[in-house]
């Protein structure tokens, strides 16, 4: 029976992280089976899970950090938090689709 664990890479609490998910089995070393990327913005926590490669996790992480910065910039220009989230998430989805990347 295997157990799973998440390991944080360069985590600053409440800000952002990339984690690897490892499967442990009796007598064997942990084997990485998936990754996740996550960011926190104000009171919102966004997480992309079950990414199969480190490259996919890094791509998701870069996108999420950019999204976080765009939301914060929108708020600093006077937008309300919910409106800033809706607008910037939609822009991110459209930009990724235009680039042919998964949204």
N, C-alpha and C. Protein backbone atom coordinates (compact mmCIF):
# COMPACT_ATOMS: atom_id res chain seq x y z
N UNK A 1 0.85 -1.18 0.00
CA UNK A 1 0.00 0.00 0.00
C UNK A 1 0.89 1.23 0.00
N UNK A 2 0.74 2.11 -0.97
CA UNK A 2 1.58 3.30 -1.09
C UNK A 2 0.94 4.52 -0.44
N UNK A 3 1.77 5.43 -0.02
CA UNK A 3 1.31 6.70 0.53
C UNK A 3 1.83 7.81 -0.37
N UNK A 4 1.14 8.93 -0.39
CA UNK A 4 1.55 10.07 -1.20
C UNK A 4 1.97 11.22 -0.30
N UNK A 5 2.90 12.02 -0.77
CA UNK A 5 3.29 13.21 -0.04
C UNK A 5 3.59 14.33 -1.03
N UNK A 6 3.47 15.56 -0.56
CA UNK A 6 3.77 16.73 -1.38
C UNK A 6 5.00 17.40 -0.80
N UNK A 7 5.93 17.82 -1.66
CA UNK A 7 7.14 18.50 -1.21
C UNK A 7 7.17 19.88 -1.84
N UNK A 8 7.31 20.90 -1.02
CA UNK A 8 7.34 22.27 -1.51
C UNK A 8 8.73 22.64 -1.97
N UNK A 9 8.81 23.36 -3.08
CA UNK A 9 10.07 23.86 -3.63
C UNK A 9 10.06 25.37 -3.50
N UNK A 10 10.95 25.94 -2.70
CA UNK A 10 11.08 27.38 -2.60
C UNK A 10 9.80 28.07 -2.18
N UNK A 11 9.09 27.53 -1.19
CA UNK A 11 7.79 28.04 -0.79
C UNK A 11 7.91 29.22 0.16
N UNK A 12 7.22 30.31 -0.14
CA UNK A 12 7.01 31.41 0.78
C UNK A 12 5.55 31.31 1.19
N UNK A 13 5.25 31.11 2.48
CA UNK A 13 3.86 30.88 2.90
C UNK A 13 2.88 31.90 2.35
N UNK A 14 1.78 31.39 1.78
CA UNK A 14 0.72 32.23 1.29
C UNK A 14 0.99 32.92 -0.04
N UNK A 15 2.12 32.69 -0.67
CA UNK A 15 2.44 33.41 -1.89
C UNK A 15 2.40 32.47 -3.10
N UNK A 16 3.33 31.54 -3.21
CA UNK A 16 3.35 30.65 -4.36
C UNK A 16 4.23 29.44 -4.06
N UNK A 17 4.05 28.40 -4.85
CA UNK A 17 4.85 27.19 -4.66
C UNK A 17 4.73 26.28 -5.87
N UNK A 18 5.74 25.45 -6.04
CA UNK A 18 5.67 24.30 -6.93
C UNK A 18 5.93 23.11 -6.03
N UNK A 19 5.13 22.10 -6.14
CA UNK A 19 5.30 20.90 -5.31
C UNK A 19 5.37 19.67 -6.20
N UNK A 20 6.10 18.68 -5.70
CA UNK A 20 6.09 17.39 -6.38
C UNK A 20 5.35 16.40 -5.49
N UNK A 21 4.63 15.51 -6.09
CA UNK A 21 3.86 14.50 -5.37
C UNK A 21 4.59 13.19 -5.56
N UNK A 22 4.97 12.58 -4.45
CA UNK A 22 5.73 11.34 -4.52
C UNK A 22 4.90 10.19 -3.97
N UNK A 23 5.08 9.04 -4.56
CA UNK A 23 4.42 7.83 -4.07
C UNK A 23 5.47 7.01 -3.36
N UNK A 24 5.16 6.63 -2.14
CA UNK A 24 6.07 5.83 -1.33
C UNK A 24 5.53 4.41 -1.23
N UNK A 25 6.41 3.46 -1.30
CA UNK A 25 6.01 2.07 -1.08
C UNK A 25 7.02 1.43 -0.14
N UNK A 26 6.62 0.41 0.52
CA UNK A 26 7.46 -0.24 1.53
C UNK A 26 8.82 -0.63 0.95
N UNK A 27 9.89 -0.16 1.60
CA UNK A 27 11.24 -0.55 1.21
C UNK A 27 11.78 0.12 -0.03
N UNK A 28 11.02 0.99 -0.67
CA UNK A 28 11.48 1.65 -1.89
C UNK A 28 11.58 3.15 -1.68
N UNK A 29 12.42 3.78 -2.49
CA UNK A 29 12.51 5.24 -2.45
C UNK A 29 11.25 5.85 -3.04
N UNK A 30 10.99 7.10 -2.66
CA UNK A 30 9.84 7.81 -3.20
C UNK A 30 10.04 8.03 -4.70
N UNK A 31 8.97 7.90 -5.44
CA UNK A 31 9.00 8.12 -6.89
C UNK A 31 8.03 9.27 -7.19
N UNK A 32 8.52 10.29 -7.90
CA UNK A 32 7.68 11.43 -8.24
C UNK A 32 6.64 10.98 -9.28
N UNK A 33 5.37 11.23 -8.98
CA UNK A 33 4.32 10.83 -9.90
C UNK A 33 3.56 12.01 -10.49
N UNK A 34 3.60 13.18 -9.86
CA UNK A 34 2.95 14.36 -10.42
C UNK A 34 3.42 15.62 -9.70
N UNK A 35 3.08 16.76 -10.28
CA UNK A 35 3.46 18.06 -9.73
C UNK A 35 2.21 18.93 -9.60
N UNK A 36 2.32 19.98 -8.79
CA UNK A 36 1.28 20.99 -8.75
C UNK A 36 1.93 22.36 -8.67
N UNK A 37 1.19 23.37 -9.11
CA UNK A 37 1.62 24.76 -9.00
C UNK A 37 0.50 25.51 -8.30
N UNK A 38 0.86 26.48 -7.46
CA UNK A 38 -0.16 27.21 -6.72
C UNK A 38 0.30 28.63 -6.43
N UNK A 39 -0.67 29.54 -6.31
CA UNK A 39 -0.42 30.92 -5.88
C UNK A 39 -1.56 31.36 -4.99
N UNK A 40 -1.27 32.35 -4.17
CA UNK A 40 -2.29 32.99 -3.36
C UNK A 40 -2.38 34.45 -3.73
N UNK A 41 -3.60 34.95 -3.86
CA UNK A 41 -3.85 36.36 -4.14
C UNK A 41 -4.92 36.83 -3.18
N UNK A 42 -4.57 37.78 -2.33
CA UNK A 42 -5.53 38.27 -1.33
C UNK A 42 -6.12 37.06 -0.59
N UNK A 43 -7.42 36.84 -0.74
CA UNK A 43 -8.09 35.73 -0.06
C UNK A 43 -8.37 34.55 -0.99
N UNK A 44 -7.78 34.56 -2.18
CA UNK A 44 -8.01 33.51 -3.18
C UNK A 44 -6.76 32.66 -3.32
N UNK A 45 -6.92 31.37 -3.33
CA UNK A 45 -5.82 30.42 -3.50
C UNK A 45 -6.09 29.62 -4.77
N UNK A 46 -5.17 29.67 -5.73
CA UNK A 46 -5.35 28.99 -7.02
C UNK A 46 -4.31 27.88 -7.12
N UNK A 47 -4.76 26.66 -7.45
CA UNK A 47 -3.88 25.51 -7.52
C UNK A 47 -4.16 24.72 -8.79
N UNK A 48 -3.09 24.35 -9.50
CA UNK A 48 -3.18 23.45 -10.66
C UNK A 48 -2.52 22.15 -10.21
N UNK A 49 -3.27 21.05 -10.26
CA UNK A 49 -2.76 19.78 -9.75
C UNK A 49 -2.64 18.72 -10.83
N UNK A 50 -1.95 17.66 -10.49
CA UNK A 50 -1.81 16.47 -11.33
C UNK A 50 -1.09 16.76 -12.64
N UNK A 51 -0.11 17.64 -12.61
CA UNK A 51 0.71 17.90 -13.79
C UNK A 51 1.74 16.78 -13.91
N UNK A 52 1.91 16.23 -15.09
CA UNK A 52 2.75 15.04 -15.28
C UNK A 52 4.24 15.34 -15.38
N UNK A 53 4.62 16.56 -15.76
CA UNK A 53 6.04 16.85 -15.91
C UNK A 53 6.40 18.13 -15.16
N UNK A 54 7.67 18.26 -14.84
CA UNK A 54 8.15 19.47 -14.20
C UNK A 54 7.99 20.66 -15.15
N UNK A 55 8.19 20.46 -16.45
CA UNK A 55 7.99 21.53 -17.42
C UNK A 55 6.56 22.07 -17.38
N UNK A 56 5.59 21.17 -17.29
CA UNK A 56 4.18 21.60 -17.22
C UNK A 56 3.93 22.36 -15.92
N UNK A 57 4.54 21.92 -14.82
CA UNK A 57 4.38 22.60 -13.54
C UNK A 57 5.00 23.99 -13.59
N UNK A 58 6.16 24.12 -14.21
CA UNK A 58 6.81 25.42 -14.34
C UNK A 58 5.98 26.36 -15.22
N UNK A 59 5.44 25.84 -16.32
CA UNK A 59 4.58 26.64 -17.19
C UNK A 59 3.35 27.13 -16.42
N UNK A 60 2.72 26.24 -15.68
CA UNK A 60 1.54 26.61 -14.89
C UNK A 60 1.92 27.63 -13.82
N UNK A 61 3.05 27.43 -13.18
CA UNK A 61 3.51 28.34 -12.13
C UNK A 61 3.75 29.75 -12.68
N UNK A 62 4.43 29.84 -13.81
CA UNK A 62 4.69 31.13 -14.44
C UNK A 62 3.38 31.83 -14.78
N UNK A 63 2.43 31.08 -15.32
CA UNK A 63 1.12 31.64 -15.65
C UNK A 63 0.42 32.14 -14.40
N UNK A 64 0.45 31.35 -13.32
CA UNK A 64 -0.23 31.75 -12.09
C UNK A 64 0.42 32.97 -11.44
N UNK A 65 1.74 33.04 -11.46
CA UNK A 65 2.42 34.21 -10.90
C UNK A 65 2.08 35.45 -11.73
N UNK A 66 2.05 35.32 -13.04
CA UNK A 66 1.66 36.44 -13.91
C UNK A 66 0.22 36.86 -13.63
N UNK A 67 -0.65 35.88 -13.43
CA UNK A 67 -2.05 36.17 -13.11
C UNK A 67 -2.14 36.92 -11.78
N UNK A 68 -1.40 36.47 -10.80
CA UNK A 68 -1.39 37.12 -9.49
C UNK A 68 -0.95 38.58 -9.63
N UNK A 69 0.10 38.82 -10.39
CA UNK A 69 0.60 40.19 -10.59
C UNK A 69 -0.44 41.05 -11.33
N UNK A 70 -1.11 40.47 -12.32
CA UNK A 70 -2.13 41.21 -13.07
C UNK A 70 -3.31 41.58 -12.18
N UNK A 71 -3.74 40.66 -11.32
CA UNK A 71 -4.84 40.94 -10.39
C UNK A 71 -4.44 42.04 -9.43
N UNK A 72 -3.24 41.96 -8.88
CA UNK A 72 -2.78 42.99 -7.95
C UNK A 72 -2.68 44.35 -8.63
N UNK A 73 -2.20 44.38 -9.88
CA UNK A 73 -2.11 45.64 -10.62
C UNK A 73 -3.50 46.22 -10.88
N UNK A 74 -4.45 45.37 -11.21
CA UNK A 74 -5.82 45.81 -11.45
C UNK A 74 -6.43 46.41 -10.18
N UNK A 75 -6.17 45.77 -9.05
CA UNK A 75 -6.65 46.28 -7.76
C UNK A 75 -6.01 47.63 -7.46
N UNK A 76 -4.71 47.76 -7.72
CA UNK A 76 -4.03 49.02 -7.43
C UNK A 76 -4.54 50.15 -8.34
N UNK A 77 -5.13 49.80 -9.49
CA UNK A 77 -5.73 50.80 -10.37
C UNK A 77 -7.16 51.13 -9.98
N UNK A 78 -7.66 50.49 -8.91
CA UNK A 78 -8.98 50.82 -8.39
C UNK A 78 -10.06 49.79 -8.59
N UNK A 79 -9.76 48.66 -9.21
CA UNK A 79 -10.78 47.62 -9.40
C UNK A 79 -11.07 46.92 -8.07
N UNK A 80 -12.29 46.48 -7.92
CA UNK A 80 -12.65 45.64 -6.77
C UNK A 80 -12.06 44.26 -6.99
N UNK A 81 -11.74 43.55 -5.91
CA UNK A 81 -11.09 42.24 -6.00
C UNK A 81 -11.86 41.26 -6.89
N UNK A 82 -13.18 41.06 -6.68
CA UNK A 82 -13.89 40.08 -7.53
C UNK A 82 -13.84 40.44 -9.02
N UNK A 83 -14.00 41.73 -9.33
CA UNK A 83 -13.96 42.15 -10.74
C UNK A 83 -12.57 41.96 -11.31
N UNK A 84 -11.55 42.31 -10.54
CA UNK A 84 -10.16 42.13 -11.00
C UNK A 84 -9.89 40.66 -11.31
N UNK A 85 -10.36 39.77 -10.45
CA UNK A 85 -10.16 38.33 -10.67
C UNK A 85 -10.83 37.87 -11.95
N UNK A 86 -12.10 38.24 -12.13
CA UNK A 86 -12.83 37.82 -13.33
C UNK A 86 -12.15 38.31 -14.60
N UNK A 87 -11.80 39.58 -14.64
CA UNK A 87 -11.21 40.17 -15.84
C UNK A 87 -9.85 39.56 -16.14
N UNK A 88 -9.00 39.47 -15.14
CA UNK A 88 -7.63 38.99 -15.37
C UNK A 88 -7.59 37.49 -15.66
N UNK A 89 -8.45 36.72 -15.04
CA UNK A 89 -8.51 35.28 -15.35
C UNK A 89 -8.96 35.09 -16.79
N UNK A 90 -9.97 35.85 -17.22
CA UNK A 90 -10.44 35.75 -18.60
C UNK A 90 -9.33 36.14 -19.59
N UNK A 91 -8.59 37.20 -19.27
CA UNK A 91 -7.47 37.60 -20.13
C UNK A 91 -6.41 36.51 -20.21
N UNK A 92 -6.11 35.89 -19.08
CA UNK A 92 -5.11 34.82 -19.05
C UNK A 92 -5.56 33.63 -19.90
N UNK A 93 -6.81 33.25 -19.76
CA UNK A 93 -7.35 32.12 -20.53
C UNK A 93 -7.27 32.43 -22.02
N UNK A 94 -7.69 33.62 -22.42
CA UNK A 94 -7.66 34.00 -23.83
C UNK A 94 -6.23 34.04 -24.36
N UNK A 95 -5.30 34.57 -23.59
CA UNK A 95 -3.90 34.64 -24.03
C UNK A 95 -3.30 33.25 -24.19
N UNK A 96 -3.59 32.35 -23.26
CA UNK A 96 -3.06 30.98 -23.36
C UNK A 96 -3.66 30.25 -24.57
N UNK A 97 -4.93 30.44 -24.80
CA UNK A 97 -5.57 29.80 -25.96
C UNK A 97 -4.98 30.35 -27.26
N UNK A 98 -4.74 31.65 -27.30
CA UNK A 98 -4.14 32.26 -28.50
C UNK A 98 -2.75 31.72 -28.76
N UNK A 99 -2.03 31.36 -27.69
CA UNK A 99 -0.69 30.78 -27.81
C UNK A 99 -0.72 29.28 -28.07
N UNK A 100 -1.92 28.69 -28.05
CA UNK A 100 -2.04 27.25 -28.26
C UNK A 100 -1.71 26.43 -27.02
N UNK A 101 -1.68 27.10 -25.86
CA UNK A 101 -1.37 26.40 -24.59
C UNK A 101 -2.68 26.02 -23.91
N UNK A 102 -2.64 25.00 -23.06
CA UNK A 102 -3.86 24.66 -22.31
C UNK A 102 -4.25 25.82 -21.41
N UNK A 103 -5.53 26.10 -21.34
CA UNK A 103 -6.01 27.25 -20.54
C UNK A 103 -6.20 26.89 -19.09
